Protein backbone atom coordinates (compact mmCIF):
# COMPACT_ATOMS: atom_id res chain seq x y z
CA MET A 1 0.13 -0.22 -0.33
CA PRO A 2 1.81 3.47 -1.04
CA ASN A 3 1.74 6.47 1.07
CA CYS A 4 0.62 9.93 0.15
CA PRO A 5 3.74 11.85 -0.37
CA LYS A 6 2.06 14.87 1.19
CA CYS A 7 0.66 13.99 4.38
CA GLY A 8 1.66 10.09 4.95
CA ASN A 9 -1.78 8.34 4.76
CA LYS A 10 -2.18 4.96 3.41
CA GLU A 11 -4.12 4.22 0.21
CA SER A 12 -5.43 0.53 -0.66
CA LEU A 13 -7.09 1.11 -3.89
CA PRO A 14 -5.72 3.07 -7.16
CA THR A 15 -8.66 5.37 -8.74
CA ARG A 16 -7.05 3.89 -12.20
CA SER A 17 -4.42 2.08 -13.32
CA PHE A 18 -2.42 1.24 -16.88
CA SER A 19 0.81 -0.02 -18.36
CA VAL A 20 3.97 2.11 -19.60
CA ILE A 21 6.56 0.01 -21.78
CA VAL A 22 9.70 1.69 -21.01
CA GLU A 23 12.74 1.07 -23.53
CA PRO A 24 16.09 0.23 -21.79
CA ALA A 25 18.71 3.09 -20.82
CA LYS A 26 22.18 2.84 -21.94
CA GLY A 27 23.76 -0.62 -21.29
CA GLU A 28 20.51 -2.07 -20.29
CA ARG A 29 19.41 -5.43 -22.32
CA GLY A 30 15.61 -5.23 -23.14
CA MET A 31 12.58 -3.36 -22.40
CA THR A 32 10.43 -3.20 -18.95
CA GLU A 33 6.78 -2.97 -18.43
CA ARG A 34 5.59 -1.33 -15.35
CA ARG A 35 2.36 -1.41 -14.02
CA VAL A 36 1.36 2.43 -13.14
CA GLY A 37 -1.60 3.23 -10.23
CA MET A 38 -3.01 6.81 -10.00
CA TYR A 39 -3.76 6.99 -6.40
CA THR A 40 -5.87 9.97 -4.92
CA CYS A 41 -5.35 10.58 -1.17
CA SER A 42 -8.78 10.20 0.87
CA SER A 43 -7.58 13.02 3.45
CA CYS A 44 -5.91 15.84 1.69
CA GLY A 45 -6.90 15.13 -2.18
CA THR A 46 -3.67 15.13 -3.77
CA LYS A 47 -2.80 12.48 -6.74
CA PHE A 48 -0.09 10.51 -6.66
CA PRO A 49 1.08 7.59 -9.23
CA THR A 50 3.34 4.67 -7.75
CA VAL A 51 4.43 1.79 -9.71
CA ILE A 52 2.57 -1.47 -8.56
CA SER A 53 4.48 -4.08 -10.66
CA LYS A 54 7.22 -4.65 -13.17
CA GLN A 55 7.89 -7.22 -15.80
CA GLN A 56 11.46 -7.72 -17.63
CA TYR A 57 10.86 -8.32 -21.32
CA LEU A 58 14.11 -9.52 -23.87
CA ILE A 59 13.94 -9.44 -27.59
CA VAL A 60 15.20 -12.10 -28.87
CA ALA A 61 15.42 -13.07 -32.83
CA GLU A 62 12.92 -15.92 -33.94
CA ASP A 63 15.79 -18.21 -34.89
CA GLN A 64 17.80 -17.88 -31.66
CA LEU A 65 14.26 -18.41 -29.97
CA LYS A 66 13.47 -21.65 -31.78
CA SER A 67 16.77 -22.88 -30.94
CA ILE A 68 16.03 -22.35 -27.34
CA GLN A 69 12.97 -24.05 -27.52
CA VAL A 70 14.63 -26.59 -29.10
CA GLU A 71 17.02 -26.87 -26.10
CA LEU A 72 14.23 -26.94 -23.73
CA GLY A 73 12.57 -29.38 -25.36
CA SER A 74 15.63 -32.02 -25.12
CA LEU A 75 16.26 -30.67 -21.82
CA LYS A 76 12.62 -31.65 -20.72
CA LYS A 77 12.86 -35.13 -22.33
CA GLY A 78 16.22 -35.69 -20.72
CA ASN A 79 14.81 -34.79 -17.39
CA GLN A 80 11.64 -36.93 -17.78
CA GLU A 81 14.33 -39.87 -18.87
CA LEU A 82 16.31 -38.92 -15.53
CA GLN A 83 13.04 -39.11 -13.25
CA ALA A 84 12.38 -42.25 -14.72
CA LYS A 85 15.75 -43.71 -13.82
CA ILE A 86 15.59 -42.00 -10.49
CA GLN A 87 12.10 -43.71 -9.98
CA ALA A 88 13.42 -47.41 -11.21
CA MET A 89 16.55 -46.62 -8.92
CA SER A 90 14.36 -45.79 -5.84
CA GLU A 91 11.90 -49.26 -6.62
CA GLN A 92 15.66 -51.29 -6.88
CA GLN A 93 17.24 -49.17 -3.70
CA LYS A 94 13.68 -50.34 -1.50
CA GLY A 95 13.87 -53.80 -2.99
CA LEU A 96 17.69 -54.16 -1.93
CA GLU A 97 16.70 -52.61 1.31
CA ASP A 98 14.02 -55.28 1.99
CA THR A 99 16.42 -58.18 0.44
CA ILE A 100 19.14 -56.86 2.73
CA GLU A 101 16.30 -56.77 6.10
CA LYS A 102 15.29 -60.57 5.03
CA THR A 103 18.89 -61.90 5.10
CA ALA A 104 19.73 -60.23 8.24
CA ARG A 105 16.31 -61.93 10.01
CA GLU A 106 17.53 -65.04 8.61
CA ASN A 107 21.31 -64.63 9.37
CA GLU A 108 19.72 -63.81 13.11
CA VAL A 109 17.34 -66.99 13.07
CA LYS A 110 20.45 -68.99 11.98
CA ARG A 111 22.83 -67.70 14.87
CA LEU A 112 20.09 -68.48 17.21
CA GLN A 113 19.43 -71.77 16.17
CA THR A 114 23.13 -72.80 16.49
CA LYS A 115 23.25 -71.10 19.72
CA LEU A 116 20.30 -72.94 20.50
CA ALA A 117 21.85 -76.51 19.55
CA GLU A 118 24.97 -75.58 21.22
CA LEU A 119 22.91 -75.28 24.60
CA GLU A 120 20.74 -78.13 23.95
CA SER A 121 24.38 -80.17 23.81
CA PHE A 122 25.39 -78.58 26.70
CA VAL A 123 22.47 -79.47 28.55
CA GLU A 124 22.88 -83.18 27.43
CA TYR A 125 26.13 -83.34 28.77
CA LEU A 126 24.93 -81.59 31.73
CA ARG A 127 22.34 -84.24 32.22
CA LYS A 128 24.95 -86.91 31.71
CA GLU A 129 27.44 -85.59 33.99
CA LYS A 130 24.15 -85.47 36.49
CA GLY A 131 23.46 -88.71 36.01
CA GLU A 132 26.78 -89.89 36.89
CA LEU A 133 27.07 -88.02 39.77
CA GLU A 134 23.81 -89.29 41.37
CA GLN A 135 25.10 -92.89 40.76
CA LYS A 136 28.64 -92.05 42.42
CA ALA A 137 26.53 -89.91 45.55
CA PRO A 138 24.67 -92.75 47.01
CA LYS A 139 27.89 -94.81 47.43
CA VAL A 140 30.11 -91.98 48.90
CA ARG A 141 27.35 -91.59 51.66
């Protein structure tokens, strides 16, 4: 919201607006379109202009524009190909992660089965020792 240059009051709506095309200054490229709003101060009645927006335009030769459009088309096609590759790699990564997780679970199961077998053999050994000790114990008493 622009302020009145005389009294500083803020104005919200222009009384009218229009576009102005400004030619480039020396050393600048392209043309600038400025959207200008004419405001009237509600408290002091002063009329003042304010630039609402600016848009920069470059003038390009037709053959250069066509070459830019062709290049843009090839870049879009390349971008689509890369997006497809990224999608495929993402799916492949998910599959690999699932495989890793499955393998880790299988390895844990194998490790636990091995430990179980070791413990069972140790328990069997202890039972055998217990039996032998029980047979020797009545003799000692």
